[in-house]
Amino acid sequence: MFEILATDGRARRGVLHTVHGDIQTPVFMNVGTCAAIKGGV
């Protein structure tokens, strides 16, 4: 579930509720794909 807390024009601030916990948005999430791991090693 996604809950919008505030808006300013087209920008918005919210909370993404998951079974593992809440995530404040906007957020930068690193994603470790196989290609990213190979390129960094």
C-alpha atoms as a PDB file:
ATOM      1  CA  MET A   1       0.000   0.000   0.000  1.00  0.00           C
ATOM      2  CA  PHE A   2       1.251   3.525  -0.791  1.00  0.00           C
ATOM      3  CA  GLU A   3       0.198   6.494   1.328  1.00  0.00           C
ATOM      4  CA  ILE A   4       0.788  10.086   0.150  1.00  0.00           C
ATOM      5  CA  LEU A   5       1.817  12.376   3.017  1.00  0.00           C
ATOM      6  CA  ALA A   6       2.377  15.666   1.170  1.00  0.00           C
ATOM      7  CA  THR A   7       2.448  17.148  -2.328  1.00  0.00           C
ATOM      8  CA  ASP A   8       4.078  20.206  -3.859  1.00  0.00           C
ATOM      9  CA  GLY A   9       3.189  20.621  -7.532  1.00  0.00           C
ATOM     10  CA  ARG A  10       3.940  17.271  -9.186  1.00  0.00           C
ATOM     11  CA  ALA A  11       6.323  16.187  -6.408  1.00  0.00           C
ATOM     12  CA  ARG A  12       5.028  13.993  -3.632  1.00  0.00           C
ATOM     13  CA  ARG A  13       6.214  12.519  -0.348  1.00  0.00           C
ATOM     14  CA  GLY A  14       4.829   9.268   0.917  1.00  0.00           C
ATOM     15  CA  VAL A  15       5.256   5.966   2.660  1.00  0.00           C
ATOM     16  CA  LEU A  16       5.329   2.566   0.992  1.00  0.00           C
ATOM     17  CA  HIS A  17       4.009  -0.023   3.450  1.00  0.00           C
ATOM     18  CA  THR A  18       5.357  -3.568   2.986  1.00  0.00           C
ATOM     19  CA  VAL A  19       5.266  -6.718   5.103  1.00  0.00           C
ATOM     20  CA  HIS A  20       8.964  -6.114   5.892  1.00  0.00           C
ATOM     21  CA  GLY A  21       8.463  -2.528   7.074  1.00  0.00           C
ATOM     22  CA  ASP A  22       7.755   0.994   5.891  1.00  0.00           C
ATOM     23  CA  ILE A  23       9.827   2.822   3.253  1.00  0.00           C
ATOM     24  CA  GLN A  24       9.803   6.625   3.198  1.00  0.00           C
ATOM     25  CA  THR A  25       9.701   8.028  -0.355  1.00  0.00           C
ATOM     26  CA  PRO A  26      11.368   9.471  -2.341  1.00  0.00           C
ATOM     27  CA  VAL A  27      14.279   7.093  -1.706  1.00  0.00           C
ATOM     28  CA  PHE A  28      17.385   5.960  -3.589  1.00  0.00           C
ATOM     29  CA  MET A  29      17.537   2.144  -3.606  1.00  0.00           C
ATOM     30  CA  ASN A  30      20.695   0.359  -4.661  1.00  0.00           C
ATOM     31  CA  VAL A  31      20.043  -2.783  -6.650  1.00  0.00           C
ATOM     32  CA  GLY A  32      22.730  -5.479  -6.830  1.00  0.00           C
ATOM     33  CA  THR A  33      22.160  -7.255 -10.134  1.00  0.00           C
ATOM     34  CA  CYS A  34      24.545  -9.888 -11.478  1.00  0.00           C
ATOM     35  CA  ALA A  35      25.872  -7.463 -14.103  1.00  0.00           C
ATOM     36  CA  ALA A  36      26.520  -4.748 -11.495  1.00  0.00           C
ATOM     37  CA  ILE A  37      28.423  -7.196  -9.282  1.00  0.00           C
ATOM     38  CA  LYS A  38      30.547  -8.504 -12.199  1.00  0.00           C
ATOM     39  CA  GLY A  39      31.407  -4.968 -13.329  1.00  0.00           C
ATOM     40  CA  GLY A  40      32.481  -3.892  -9.833  1.00  0.00           C
ATOM     41  CA  VAL A  41      34.813  -6.852  -9.234  1.00  0.00           C
END
